[in-house]
Every structure is written in C-alpha cells, then in structure tokens.
Amino acid sequence: MSERIYIRPILRPTASPRLGGAAFLGGPGCVEAVEVLRRPAAAPSPMSSDIALLAHADGEAEALGLRRALGDQAAEAALRALAKVASAPPAVAGVALDRPRIMGVLNVTPDSFSDGGMHYAMQDCVSRARAMAAAGVDFFDIGGESTRPGAEFVPADVEMARVLPAITALREAGMAPPISIDTRKPDVARAAFAAGARIWNDVSSLGYAADGLETAAALTAGPDGGWICLMHAQGDPSNMQDAPSYDNALLDVYDLLARRLEQAVAAGAPADRVILDPGVGFGKTLEHNLAIFRGLALYATLGAPLLIGASRKRFVGALSGESLPTRRAPGSIAAALWSAGQGARILRVHDVEETAQALSVWSALVSNELIDGANS
C-alpha cells in the first residue's frame, strides 16, 4: 500500500554554527531535526514517524546523512521541505514577513464572541484603530459577520453596510496598516477591495460560493493585486462544533490547505499572493487544536505565509479555566508566542498592545545579537 509522507521541522529558537541545523524562515531560529510522518494513503490508518538530526553544515553531506537515516524517498521530501522554509516568505501588502507581524481584529458586528458591539459605531472603530496603530499593528482585519460557533447568517448587503464604512473611515483617517476583509462572500470581498482592502481573509477557504476561486484570482491579479488567506474549517459557523472528527487533525488540515492552495493557483491566483491559516477553533475539539499547535511547523513547508488566529478562543478558556473571552489575553499571548516560534508570520489578535509588548521581548530573547553580546 502506498503511503503519504509529511515533514515536520523540529526547531531550535536560536541558530548557532557550532550546533548545525538548517535555516528557518530567514529568522534567528533554525531546524535542528526533521520528523518524517508516514501514513498509508487510505484512511483511517495508523501513522508512523522517524526523526533525523541535521548535523552537517555542508548541503551535500546533509543530504547524504538524511538518505542514510531515512531512505531516499523520505530524504528527498525532507530536502524539498527544508528548501521551502529556508528564507522568509514574500511581503504581504508591502509588509515584510522577516519577523512575526500582528493583525489587529476590528469586528464591526453586534454579536462577535469577544468584542461584538464594541466597534460597531464608526467613531469607536476609528478610535480603536488609532490605538492599534500606535501600538504598532501591521494589519487591520475588519469583519462584518460573526463566525463564532452557532452564529447566524448575515446577508451580503447587511455585511457590506457594516464593513464598507469602516474601511472608508480608516482610509480617510490616514491609517497606514493594510486592511484585511474577513468575509466568506465574494461580493463583499470585491466591494471591500474597491473601498481599499488589500487582503481577503476567507474562513471558508474560497469554498462558500461558486465564484470564490474566480474572485480570488481576479483580486490577486497583476502588480497591484491583493492577497488571499485560505483558512481550514470543518463545517460552517452554524454547525462546526457539533461533532468535529478527523483521522488525524494535524495531517488532515495540512491536506486540505495543500489542496486549496493548489486549486487557487490553478484558478489564476499567484502562489506568492496566498496566505494559509489552519483555522484554530473552527470545527475542532481541544485535542484537535492542541495537535495542530504542537505540529504547527509542518504547515510552513507548504511554502506560504502562515497566519494563526488563536486570540481569546474557547480552547484558551478550556486550558486556563477562564470563561470570559475578554479575560483570556494571557493565554492568547502564550499561544501567539508559541505560534511565532513555530513559523507563524501573521498573528491575528484582539489584544494588540499586550501582544506587541510580549512579541518584542520574545524577539529580543531569541535574537542572535543578544546571545552573542551576552557571551562576549
């Protein structure tokens, strides 16, 4: 029976020539080993894994070592994966992804799970955006339809009436960070781009409407085109938490993202205009979410920037015992920093100021400059 092979980089937060390892996303961390995950093509199926250390600075010696440790097929897969994560992903909307970036959530909805109604009025939306910009936010993510579990459907015209004034208000106020539109609907995405949005963040991974792929290709076309974020979700907001089930959550999500990336590119979207999101909390139990977080570096081998939206979500409450979403900032920041260390380039968060402070300290602690100076 044929098998599928997946490569998960195992990371060290800082690089050292004395310890060997391979470059990872152009940052201070490096890949010190690879885990080779194997499962038969037919599911459900048992999975096996092997781990091989990267101990050679020379590329040819490293390749030979991997072949000896893993066999030719797995070694070639590992080398391809390492090549994909060797440098930082391309910039998104002019924002370099040489380090983790912050996307601030601006929900102009009355019923979002954490901040519903808080930014519904335009003056509140603009005020919050100014505070985020002052804290150093890199992107705004504006949403007009709640995608919390059990959320009700919002018609496109109602959604547009919420998000378009917000986009216009931020642009007229001179806000510099690029705007992402959080919507499943191609009509809303097109209108938002016309108003000034640069990223289409789609929780349905372009699967909600028949013209999703076509619209994504059109919005990303040409030198002035935008970007799309494809997120994994099992089900839709009305039913996604009823009974989520996977053969293997980590690998099943990988397969879906790989397939949707391939479909988007085949439809005409440039590969370097696509962002991927494993969809924490969207049709996943606590155990599924933990499996995804623990194996997060696997998704970096898909070759697209990785976005993680863990902020204030139910799994944070389940692990911390905090029932109120607005009191989950510490747990959310812990998840964000873990994600940054495992290859996430964009962190979608509500608590921008607190996350920015934590990320600045984390970045200093893992930087080579700080370590070299401390050892001198």
Protein backbone atom coordinates (compact mmCIF):
# COMPACT_ATOMS: atom_id res chain seq x y z
CA MET A 1 0.00 0.00 0.00
CA SER A 2 1.34 3.42 -0.91
CA GLU A 3 1.98 5.92 1.85
CA ARG A 4 1.97 9.66 2.21
CA ILE A 5 4.98 11.43 3.68
CA TYR A 6 4.88 14.67 5.66
CA ILE A 7 7.88 16.60 7.00
CA ARG A 8 7.67 18.49 10.27
CA PRO A 9 10.66 20.72 11.08
CA ILE A 10 11.81 20.45 14.69
CA LEU A 11 13.08 23.85 15.70
CA ARG A 12 15.66 25.44 17.93
CA PRO A 13 14.74 29.08 18.76
CA THR A 14 18.23 30.42 18.05
CA ALA A 15 20.85 29.44 15.49
CA SER A 16 24.45 28.52 16.31
CA PRO A 17 27.15 27.46 13.85
CA ARG A 18 28.50 25.10 16.49
CA LEU A 19 25.26 23.15 16.69
CA GLY A 20 24.48 22.85 12.99
CA GLY A 21 20.95 22.97 11.66
CA ALA A 22 19.17 24.46 8.65
CA ALA A 23 17.81 27.95 8.10
CA PHE A 24 14.15 28.54 9.02
CA LEU A 25 12.11 31.40 7.52
CA GLY A 26 15.11 33.70 7.43
CA GLY A 27 14.87 34.28 11.17
CA PRO A 28 17.05 33.62 14.20
CA GLY A 29 15.73 30.10 14.71
CA CYS A 30 16.77 27.04 12.79
CA VAL A 31 15.70 23.49 12.00
CA GLU A 32 17.72 21.10 14.13
CA ALA A 33 15.89 17.94 13.06
CA VAL A 34 13.03 16.75 10.90
CA GLU A 35 10.22 14.42 11.85
CA VAL A 36 9.04 12.26 8.99
CA LEU A 37 5.37 11.37 9.41
CA ARG A 38 4.08 8.48 7.32
CA ARG A 39 0.58 7.14 6.89
CA PRO A 40 -0.99 4.88 4.26
CA ALA A 41 -2.93 6.71 1.58
CA ALA A 42 -6.16 5.01 2.67
CA ALA A 43 -7.71 6.37 5.87
CA PRO A 44 -8.36 5.68 8.67
CA SER A 45 -4.85 4.42 9.10
CA PRO A 46 -2.02 4.06 11.61
CA MET A 47 0.74 6.64 11.42
CA SER A 48 4.46 6.11 11.94
CA SER A 49 7.28 8.59 12.32
CA ASP A 50 11.08 8.85 12.25
CA ILE A 51 13.32 11.69 13.39
CA ALA A 52 16.61 12.65 11.77
CA LEU A 53 19.01 15.24 13.18
CA LEU A 54 20.53 17.89 10.93
CA ALA A 55 24.18 17.95 11.90
CA HIS A 56 26.07 18.98 8.76
CA ALA A 57 26.81 22.50 7.58
CA ASP A 58 27.57 21.24 4.07
CA GLY A 59 24.47 20.70 1.91
CA GLU A 60 25.76 17.57 0.17
CA ALA A 61 26.80 15.98 3.45
CA GLU A 62 23.40 16.82 4.93
CA ALA A 63 21.59 15.21 2.00
CA LEU A 64 23.73 12.10 2.30
CA GLY A 65 23.08 11.92 6.04
CA LEU A 66 19.33 12.20 5.53
CA ARG A 67 19.36 9.45 2.90
CA ARG A 68 21.23 7.14 5.24
CA ALA A 69 18.87 7.90 8.12
CA LEU A 70 15.55 7.98 6.27
CA GLY A 71 15.88 6.33 2.89
CA ASP A 72 15.78 8.07 -0.48
CA GLN A 73 12.08 8.91 -0.69
CA ALA A 74 11.77 10.48 2.77
CA ALA A 75 15.13 12.23 2.43
CA GLU A 76 14.06 13.87 -0.83
CA ALA A 77 10.81 15.01 0.81
CA ALA A 78 12.80 16.44 3.72
CA LEU A 79 15.18 18.31 1.41
CA ARG A 80 12.25 19.81 -0.53
CA ALA A 81 10.61 20.89 2.72
CA LEU A 82 13.81 22.48 4.01
CA ALA A 83 14.22 24.40 0.76
CA LYS A 84 10.72 25.85 1.18
CA VAL A 85 11.42 27.18 4.68
CA ALA A 86 14.97 28.40 4.09
CA SER A 87 14.05 32.05 3.59
CA ALA A 88 11.40 34.47 4.79
CA PRO A 89 8.10 34.44 2.87
CA PRO A 90 7.42 37.30 0.45
CA ALA A 91 5.97 40.54 1.77
CA VAL A 92 2.20 40.87 2.14
CA ALA A 93 0.69 44.20 1.07
CA GLY A 94 4.08 45.83 1.45
CA VAL A 95 4.72 44.41 4.93
CA ALA A 96 7.89 42.31 5.09
CA LEU A 97 7.50 38.94 6.79
CA ASP A 98 11.06 38.78 8.06
CA ARG A 99 9.57 38.55 11.55
CA PRO A 100 6.14 37.74 13.02
CA ARG A 101 3.60 40.50 12.35
CA ILE A 102 0.42 41.49 14.18
CA MET A 103 -3.03 41.65 12.59
CA GLY A 104 -5.49 43.52 14.80
CA VAL A 105 -9.13 42.41 14.89
CA LEU A 106 -11.78 45.06 14.25
CA ASN A 107 -15.20 43.42 14.28
CA VAL A 108 -17.99 45.79 13.27
CA THR A 109 -20.62 43.31 14.39
CA PRO A 110 -23.18 43.27 17.17
CA ASP A 111 -22.58 39.60 18.05
CA SER A 112 -18.94 38.51 17.74
CA PHE A 113 -17.97 36.18 20.57
CA SER A 114 -15.41 38.52 22.18
CA ASP A 115 -15.87 42.09 21.01
CA GLY A 116 -19.35 42.17 19.49
CA GLY A 117 -20.76 45.70 19.52
CA MET A 118 -17.57 47.32 20.83
CA HIS A 119 -16.55 48.83 17.47
CA TYR A 120 -19.97 48.87 15.81
CA ALA A 121 -20.14 52.67 15.81
CA MET A 122 -17.66 54.23 13.35
CA GLN A 123 -16.17 56.57 15.94
CA ASP A 124 -15.42 53.57 18.15
CA CYS A 125 -13.94 51.65 15.23
CA VAL A 126 -11.63 54.53 14.25
CA SER A 127 -10.65 55.16 17.86
CA ARG A 128 -9.68 51.52 18.35
CA ALA A 129 -7.79 51.50 15.05
CA ARG A 130 -5.77 54.54 16.15
CA ALA A 131 -4.84 52.80 19.38
CA MET A 132 -3.80 49.68 17.47
CA ALA A 133 -1.71 51.74 15.05
CA ALA A 134 0.02 53.49 17.95
CA ALA A 135 0.87 50.07 19.40
CA GLY A 136 2.50 49.03 16.12
CA VAL A 137 -0.15 46.86 14.49
CA ASP A 138 0.85 45.69 10.99
CA PHE A 139 -2.59 44.86 9.53
CA PHE A 140 -6.23 45.55 10.34
CA ASP A 141 -8.75 42.71 9.93
CA ILE A 142 -12.30 44.03 9.55
CA GLY A 143 -15.24 41.66 9.82
CA GLY A 144 -18.97 42.24 9.49
CA GLU A 145 -20.27 38.72 10.11
CA SER A 146 -19.58 36.76 13.27
CA THR A 147 -18.11 33.32 12.66
CA ARG A 148 -18.35 32.18 16.28
CA PRO A 149 -19.88 28.72 16.81
CA GLY A 150 -23.63 28.90 16.27
CA ALA A 151 -23.53 32.35 14.64
CA GLU A 152 -26.43 33.33 12.42
CA PHE A 153 -26.04 34.02 8.71
CA VAL A 154 -25.68 37.68 7.70
CA PRO A 155 -26.86 38.71 4.20
CA ALA A 156 -24.23 40.27 1.93
CA ASP A 157 -25.93 43.67 1.82
CA VAL A 158 -26.03 43.86 5.62
CA GLU A 159 -22.41 42.79 5.84
CA MET A 160 -21.37 45.41 3.30
CA ALA A 161 -23.27 48.09 5.17
CA ARG A 162 -21.14 47.28 8.20
CA VAL A 163 -17.66 46.87 6.71
CA LEU A 164 -17.51 49.37 3.85
CA PRO A 165 -17.98 52.47 6.05
CA ALA A 166 -15.31 51.10 8.39
CA ILE A 167 -12.80 50.60 5.57
CA THR A 168 -13.54 54.06 4.18
CA ALA A 169 -13.26 55.65 7.63
CA LEU A 170 -9.85 54.10 8.27
CA ARG A 171 -8.54 55.15 4.88
CA GLU A 172 -9.89 58.70 5.28
CA ALA A 173 -8.29 58.88 8.71
CA GLY A 174 -4.93 58.14 7.08
CA MET A 175 -4.40 54.76 8.70
CA ALA A 176 -1.28 53.18 7.18
CA PRO A 177 -1.63 49.45 8.02
CA PRO A 178 -3.12 47.42 5.15
CA ILE A 179 -6.71 46.26 5.62
CA SER A 180 -7.89 42.67 5.51
CA ILE A 181 -11.57 41.91 4.93
CA ASP A 182 -12.82 38.94 6.92
CA THR A 183 -15.66 37.51 4.84
CA ARG A 184 -16.85 34.31 3.17
CA LYS A 185 -18.70 36.16 0.42
CA PRO A 186 -17.06 37.10 -2.91
CA ASP A 187 -19.45 40.06 -3.35
CA VAL A 188 -18.35 41.52 -0.05
CA ALA A 189 -14.67 40.88 -0.84
CA ARG A 190 -14.93 42.67 -4.19
CA ALA A 191 -16.66 45.67 -2.64
CA ALA A 192 -14.14 45.79 0.19
CA PHE A 193 -11.21 45.76 -2.23
CA ALA A 194 -12.84 48.57 -4.20
CA ALA A 195 -13.01 50.54 -0.94
CA GLY A 196 -9.35 49.92 -0.11
CA ALA A 197 -8.88 46.44 1.40
CA ARG A 198 -5.78 44.53 0.32
CA ILE A 199 -6.31 41.04 1.80
CA TRP A 200 -9.30 38.71 1.55
CA ASN A 201 -9.40 36.59 4.71
CA ASP A 202 -11.85 33.78 3.96
CA VAL A 203 -12.76 31.30 6.69
CA SER A 204 -14.31 29.02 4.07
CA SER A 205 -11.07 28.77 2.06
CA LEU A 206 -12.97 30.01 -1.05
CA GLY A 207 -15.49 27.21 -0.72
CA TYR A 208 -18.55 29.17 0.37
CA ALA A 209 -19.64 30.44 -3.07
CA ALA A 210 -19.32 29.04 -6.57
CA ASP A 211 -17.34 32.07 -7.75
CA GLY A 212 -14.88 32.07 -4.83
CA LEU A 213 -11.86 30.85 -6.77
CA GLU A 214 -12.63 33.09 -9.74
CA THR A 215 -12.96 36.13 -7.48
CA ALA A 216 -9.73 35.34 -5.65
CA ALA A 217 -7.87 35.11 -8.95
CA ALA A 218 -9.27 38.46 -10.06
CA LEU A 219 -8.47 40.22 -6.79
CA THR A 220 -4.87 38.98 -6.74
CA ALA A 221 -4.10 39.57 -10.43
CA GLY A 222 -1.45 41.96 -11.68
CA PRO A 223 1.20 44.06 -9.93
CA ASP A 224 -1.49 45.95 -7.98
CA GLY A 225 -3.36 42.81 -6.95
CA GLY A 226 -4.10 41.86 -3.37
CA TRP A 227 -3.71 38.75 -1.25
CA ILE A 228 -5.98 35.95 -0.08
CA CYS A 229 -5.90 33.97 3.16
CA LEU A 230 -7.24 30.42 2.92
CA MET A 231 -8.40 29.04 6.25
CA HIS A 232 -9.33 25.50 7.18
CA ALA A 233 -12.76 24.95 8.73
CA GLN A 234 -14.78 21.78 9.13
CA GLY A 235 -18.42 22.72 8.58
CA ASP A 236 -19.70 26.29 8.86
CA PRO A 237 -20.28 28.54 11.89
CA SER A 238 -23.79 27.20 12.45
CA ASN A 239 -22.67 23.58 12.94
CA MET A 240 -18.87 23.39 13.02
CA GLN A 241 -18.63 22.48 16.72
CA ASP A 242 -21.41 19.87 16.69
CA ALA A 243 -19.16 16.82 16.31
CA PRO A 244 -15.82 17.59 14.60
CA SER A 245 -13.93 14.47 13.59
CA TYR A 246 -10.59 13.74 11.88
CA ASP A 247 -8.49 10.73 11.03
CA ASN A 248 -5.51 12.86 12.07
CA ALA A 249 -6.23 16.54 12.70
CA LEU A 250 -2.69 17.77 12.01
CA LEU A 251 -2.36 15.94 8.71
CA ASP A 252 -5.97 16.27 7.53
CA VAL A 253 -5.77 20.04 7.89
CA TYR A 254 -2.46 20.02 6.02
CA ASP A 255 -4.01 18.07 3.15
CA LEU A 256 -6.95 20.46 2.86
CA LEU A 257 -4.73 23.54 2.86
CA ALA A 258 -2.42 21.97 0.28
CA ARG A 259 -5.39 21.16 -1.93
CA ARG A 260 -6.96 24.61 -1.65
CA LEU A 261 -3.62 26.29 -2.32
CA GLU A 262 -3.21 24.19 -5.44
CA GLN A 263 -6.76 24.99 -6.57
CA ALA A 264 -6.32 28.73 -6.00
CA VAL A 265 -3.11 28.76 -8.04
CA ALA A 266 -4.72 26.68 -10.80
CA ALA A 267 -7.57 29.21 -10.93
CA GLY A 268 -5.09 32.02 -11.52
CA ALA A 269 -4.07 33.34 -8.10
CA PRO A 270 -0.28 33.83 -7.89
CA ALA A 271 1.27 31.46 -5.36
CA ASP A 272 3.09 34.33 -3.67
CA ARG A 273 -0.25 36.08 -3.00
CA VAL A 274 -1.65 33.29 -0.82
CA ILE A 275 -1.61 33.06 2.99
CA LEU A 276 -2.66 29.91 4.88
CA ASP A 277 -4.45 29.50 8.23
CA PRO A 278 -5.12 26.11 9.90
CA GLY A 279 -8.28 27.54 11.48
CA VAL A 280 -7.82 27.10 15.22
CA GLY A 281 -11.24 26.53 16.78
CA PHE A 282 -13.13 26.13 13.52
CA GLY A 283 -14.61 22.64 13.62
CA LYS A 284 -12.03 21.35 16.10
CA THR A 285 -12.06 19.99 19.63
CA LEU A 286 -9.50 20.94 22.26
CA GLU A 287 -7.49 17.84 21.35
CA HIS A 288 -7.55 18.75 17.66
CA ASN A 289 -6.37 22.28 18.40
CA LEU A 290 -3.52 21.04 20.58
CA ALA A 291 -2.38 18.60 17.89
CA ILE A 292 -2.28 21.44 15.36
CA PHE A 293 -0.32 23.73 17.68
CA ARG A 294 2.20 21.03 18.58
CA GLY A 295 2.85 20.25 14.92
CA LEU A 296 2.48 23.81 13.63
CA ALA A 297 5.86 23.97 11.87
CA LEU A 298 4.58 21.31 9.45
CA TYR A 299 2.40 23.91 7.74
CA ALA A 300 5.38 26.15 6.98
CA THR A 301 6.54 23.51 4.49
CA LEU A 302 3.56 24.34 2.27
CA GLY A 303 5.59 27.38 1.20
CA ALA A 304 3.05 30.10 2.00
CA PRO A 305 2.99 32.55 4.93
CA LEU A 306 1.18 31.12 7.94
CA LEU A 307 -1.49 33.10 9.80
CA ILE A 308 -2.69 31.99 13.25
CA GLY A 309 -5.83 33.31 14.93
CA ALA A 310 -5.91 31.89 18.45
CA SER A 311 -6.91 35.08 20.26
CA ARG A 312 -9.43 34.67 23.10
CA LYS A 313 -10.75 31.42 21.67
CA ARG A 314 -12.56 28.69 23.54
CA PHE A 315 -9.53 26.40 23.77
CA VAL A 316 -7.71 29.14 25.72
CA GLY A 317 -10.60 29.19 28.16
CA ALA A 318 -10.63 25.40 28.37
CA LEU A 319 -6.92 25.25 29.24
CA SER A 320 -6.93 28.25 31.59
CA GLY A 321 -10.34 27.89 33.23
CA GLU A 322 -11.28 31.42 32.15
CA SER A 323 -14.88 31.60 30.93
CA LEU A 324 -14.84 35.26 29.82
CA PRO A 325 -13.20 35.82 26.39
CA THR A 326 -12.13 39.35 27.34
CA ARG A 327 -10.05 37.92 30.21
CA ARG A 328 -8.11 35.46 28.05
CA ALA A 329 -5.30 37.79 26.96
CA PRO A 330 -2.51 36.00 28.88
CA GLY A 331 -3.41 32.60 27.43
CA SER A 332 -3.85 34.10 23.97
CA ILE A 333 -0.41 35.69 24.15
CA ALA A 334 1.13 32.37 25.17
CA ALA A 335 -0.43 30.77 22.08
CA ALA A 336 0.77 33.66 19.90
CA LEU A 337 4.37 33.38 21.08
CA TRP A 338 4.35 29.61 20.61
CA SER A 339 3.00 30.15 17.09
CA ALA A 340 5.67 32.74 16.31
CA GLY A 341 8.35 30.26 17.36
CA GLN A 342 6.84 27.56 15.14
CA GLY A 343 6.70 29.58 11.94
CA ALA A 344 3.59 31.78 12.06
CA ARG A 345 4.29 35.03 10.25
CA ILE A 346 0.97 36.79 11.00
CA LEU A 347 -0.72 36.70 14.41
CA ARG A 348 -4.38 37.71 14.34
CA VAL A 349 -5.19 39.13 17.79
CA HIS A 350 -7.63 41.27 19.75
CA ASP A 351 -5.16 42.42 22.40
CA VAL A 352 -2.73 44.26 20.15
CA GLU A 353 -0.90 46.32 22.75
CA GLU A 354 -0.24 43.38 25.05
CA THR A 355 0.76 41.06 22.21
CA ALA A 356 3.12 43.66 20.72
CA GLN A 357 4.89 44.06 24.06
CA ALA A 358 5.22 40.31 24.54
CA LEU A 359 6.43 39.79 20.98
CA SER A 360 9.11 42.48 21.33
CA VAL A 361 10.53 40.76 24.42
CA TRP A 362 10.31 37.30 22.82
CA SER A 363 12.07 38.60 19.68
CA ALA A 364 14.94 40.04 21.73
CA LEU A 365 15.35 36.82 23.67
CA VAL A 366 15.70 34.66 20.57
CA SER A 367 17.85 37.06 18.55
CA ASN A 368 21.43 36.07 17.79
CA GLU A 369 22.66 39.58 18.51
CA LEU A 370 21.51 39.41 22.13
CA ILE A 371 23.05 35.96 22.66
CA ASP A 372 26.36 36.91 21.04
CA GLY A 373 26.56 40.03 23.17
CA ALA A 374 25.78 38.11 26.34
CA ASN A 375 28.55 35.60 25.60
CA SER A 376 31.22 38.18 24.83
